[in-house]
N, C-alpha and C. Protein backbone atom coordinates (compact mmCIF):
# COMPACT_ATOMS: atom_id res chain seq x y z
N MET A 1 -19.02 -172.09 -45.20
CA MET A 1 -17.67 -170.54 -45.68
C MET A 1 -17.33 -170.31 -45.19
N THR A 2 -18.13 -169.68 -43.94
CA THR A 2 -17.58 -169.11 -43.28
C THR A 2 -16.96 -169.23 -41.99
N LYS A 3 -16.54 -169.96 -41.59
CA LYS A 3 -15.71 -171.00 -40.74
C LYS A 3 -14.54 -171.03 -41.65
N LEU A 4 -13.98 -171.33 -42.67
CA LEU A 4 -13.63 -171.47 -43.34
C LEU A 4 -12.60 -170.45 -43.93
N ILE A 5 -12.80 -168.98 -44.15
CA ILE A 5 -12.71 -167.52 -44.53
C ILE A 5 -12.00 -167.05 -42.89
N ALA A 6 -12.96 -167.44 -41.51
CA ALA A 6 -12.65 -166.97 -40.61
C ALA A 6 -11.32 -167.44 -39.89
N ARG A 7 -10.89 -169.15 -40.16
CA ARG A 7 -9.67 -169.90 -39.58
C ARG A 7 -8.59 -169.40 -40.69
N PHE A 8 -9.25 -169.17 -42.00
CA PHE A 8 -8.06 -168.55 -43.00
C PHE A 8 -7.53 -166.94 -42.07
N ALA A 9 -8.79 -166.21 -41.73
CA ALA A 9 -7.84 -164.96 -41.43
C ALA A 9 -7.55 -164.81 -40.42
N LYS A 10 -7.41 -166.30 -39.32
CA LYS A 10 -7.05 -166.54 -38.12
C LYS A 10 -5.35 -167.50 -38.61
N ASP A 11 -5.16 -167.79 -39.63
CA ASP A 11 -3.65 -168.26 -40.13
C ASP A 11 -3.18 -167.34 -40.29
N GLU A 12 -2.03 -167.49 -39.13
CA GLU A 12 -0.86 -165.69 -39.32
C GLU A 12 0.59 -166.73 -39.54
N SER A 13 0.54 -168.12 -40.32
CA SER A 13 1.93 -169.36 -40.26
C SER A 13 2.24 -168.31 -41.33
N GLY A 14 1.69 -167.60 -42.95
CA GLY A 14 1.82 -167.12 -43.79
C GLY A 14 2.86 -165.91 -43.75
N ALA A 15 1.86 -165.04 -42.89
CA ALA A 15 2.35 -163.94 -42.42
C ALA A 15 3.91 -163.58 -41.69
N THR A 16 3.67 -164.71 -40.74
CA THR A 16 5.50 -165.26 -39.85
C THR A 16 6.31 -165.73 -41.37
N ALA A 17 6.10 -166.79 -42.28
CA ALA A 17 6.73 -166.85 -43.20
C ALA A 17 7.39 -165.58 -44.13
N ILE A 18 6.69 -164.94 -44.56
CA ILE A 18 7.27 -163.85 -45.08
C ILE A 18 8.02 -162.63 -43.95
N GLU A 19 7.52 -162.67 -42.93
CA GLU A 19 8.39 -161.94 -42.20
C GLU A 19 10.14 -162.77 -41.96
N TYR A 20 9.68 -163.63 -41.73
CA TYR A 20 11.40 -164.58 -41.92
C TYR A 20 11.83 -164.24 -43.27
N GLY A 21 11.84 -164.19 -44.31
CA GLY A 21 11.69 -163.63 -45.44
C GLY A 21 12.18 -162.79 -45.65
N LEU A 22 11.40 -161.51 -45.24
CA LEU A 22 12.07 -160.19 -45.49
C LEU A 22 13.61 -160.13 -44.14
N ILE A 23 13.19 -160.71 -43.22
CA ILE A 23 14.67 -160.62 -42.72
C ILE A 23 15.73 -161.08 -42.86
N ALA A 24 15.50 -162.75 -43.17
CA ALA A 24 16.83 -163.27 -44.55
C ALA A 24 17.40 -162.03 -45.35
N ALA A 25 16.24 -161.24 -46.01
CA ALA A 25 17.25 -160.73 -47.34
C ALA A 25 16.92 -159.32 -47.03
N LEU A 26 17.42 -158.79 -45.16
CA LEU A 26 18.06 -157.77 -45.43
C LEU A 26 19.31 -158.07 -44.48
N ILE A 27 19.24 -159.36 -43.93
CA ILE A 27 20.80 -159.67 -43.64
C ILE A 27 21.36 -159.96 -44.52
N SER A 28 20.76 -160.62 -45.45
CA SER A 28 21.79 -161.00 -46.91
C SER A 28 21.92 -159.32 -47.91
N VAL A 29 21.45 -158.21 -47.57
CA VAL A 29 21.72 -157.13 -48.14
C VAL A 29 22.76 -156.69 -47.05
N ALA A 30 23.02 -156.78 -45.80
CA ALA A 30 24.43 -156.21 -44.75
C ALA A 30 24.93 -156.94 -45.30
N LEU A 31 25.31 -158.39 -45.09
CA LEU A 31 26.40 -159.54 -45.43
C LEU A 31 27.35 -158.81 -46.98
N ILE A 32 26.06 -158.45 -47.95
CA ILE A 32 26.92 -158.05 -49.37
C ILE A 32 27.14 -156.45 -49.07
N THR A 33 26.70 -156.17 -48.59
CA THR A 33 27.04 -154.98 -48.76
C THR A 33 28.50 -154.55 -47.51
N GLY A 34 28.58 -155.35 -47.39
CA GLY A 34 30.38 -155.89 -45.95
C GLY A 34 30.92 -155.85 -46.67
N ALA A 35 30.81 -157.20 -47.73
CA ALA A 35 32.06 -158.02 -48.16
C ALA A 35 32.51 -156.96 -49.26
N THR A 36 31.26 -155.99 -49.84
CA THR A 36 31.81 -155.03 -50.46
C THR A 36 32.69 -154.06 -50.54
N THR A 37 32.24 -153.67 -49.47
CA THR A 37 33.08 -152.92 -48.36
C THR A 37 34.55 -152.99 -48.40
N LEU A 38 34.93 -154.38 -47.85
CA LEU A 38 36.18 -154.92 -46.88
C LEU A 38 36.39 -155.10 -48.78
N GLY A 39 36.28 -155.74 -49.34
CA GLY A 39 36.59 -156.01 -50.54
C GLY A 39 37.50 -154.70 -51.05
N ASN A 40 36.50 -154.09 -51.05
CA ASN A 40 37.28 -152.47 -51.65
C ASN A 40 38.56 -151.80 -50.69
N SER A 41 38.20 -151.90 -49.92
CA SER A 41 38.96 -151.66 -48.63
C SER A 41 40.54 -152.24 -48.52
N LEU A 42 40.37 -153.98 -48.92
CA LEU A 42 41.73 -154.43 -48.64
C LEU A 42 42.62 -154.42 -50.12
N SER A 43 41.67 -153.91 -51.51
CA SER A 43 42.26 -153.91 -52.68
C SER A 43 43.04 -152.71 -52.48
N ASN A 44 41.97 -151.48 -52.29
CA ASN A 44 43.30 -150.69 -51.51
C ASN A 44 43.99 -150.95 -50.85
N THR A 45 44.19 -151.62 -50.22
CA THR A 45 45.81 -151.65 -49.57
C THR A 45 46.37 -152.23 -49.78
N PHE A 46 46.09 -153.11 -50.61
CA PHE A 46 47.18 -154.24 -51.91
C PHE A 46 47.68 -153.66 -53.05
N ASN A 47 46.66 -152.68 -53.21
CA ASN A 47 47.40 -151.64 -54.11
C ASN A 47 48.62 -150.63 -53.79
N ALA A 48 48.08 -150.25 -52.77
CA ALA A 48 49.05 -148.69 -52.04
C ALA A 48 50.92 -150.35 -51.47
N ILE A 49 50.91 -151.31 -51.19
CA ILE A 49 51.68 -152.68 -51.01
C ILE A 49 52.15 -151.87 -52.14
N SER A 50 51.81 -152.66 -53.26
CA SER A 50 52.58 -153.23 -54.44
C SER A 50 52.74 -151.55 -54.80
N THR A 51 52.45 -150.29 -54.58
CA THR A 51 53.60 -148.75 -55.35
C THR A 51 54.07 -148.58 -54.24
N GLU A 52 54.46 -149.50 -53.04
CA GLU A 52 55.32 -148.99 -52.23
C GLU A 52 56.63 -150.11 -52.61
N MET A 53 56.13 -151.27 -52.91
CA MET A 53 57.41 -152.51 -53.73
C MET A 53 58.00 -151.68 -54.71
N ASN A 54 57.17 -150.84 -55.50
CA ASN A 54 57.81 -151.01 -56.75
C ASN A 54 58.59 -149.98 -56.28
N SER A 55 57.78 -148.98 -55.87
CA SER A 55 59.30 -147.56 -55.84
C SER A 55 60.35 -148.10 -54.99
N ALA A 56 60.54 -148.80 -53.75
CA ALA A 56 61.29 -149.32 -53.13
C ALA A 56 62.21 -150.14 -54.54
N GLU A 57 61.58 -150.90 -54.79
CA GLU A 57 62.23 -151.91 -55.75
C GLU A 57 62.88 -150.73 -57.28
N ASN A 58 62.83 -149.61 -57.85
CA ASN A 58 62.92 -148.82 -58.42
C ASN A 58 64.30 -147.44 -57.74
N ALA A 59 64.28 -147.15 -57.05
CA ALA A 59 65.16 -146.51 -55.74
C ALA A 59 66.67 -147.43 -55.64
N HIS A 60 66.58 -149.10 -55.71
CA HIS A 60 68.07 -149.63 -55.50
C HIS A 60 68.58 -149.59 -57.09
């Protein structure tokens, strides 16, 4: 029984899997944050272009 507990204590494969999971989660959060920021920026840009085009159309 003590050999089983000692072997379990030395086994680090579970810890490695958890570390990889945490790294994947952090990368996912960073990608989602970046995509959201980019999406908002693009939306603002296209809204500004649309406003300018409507102004130019109404000026004629």
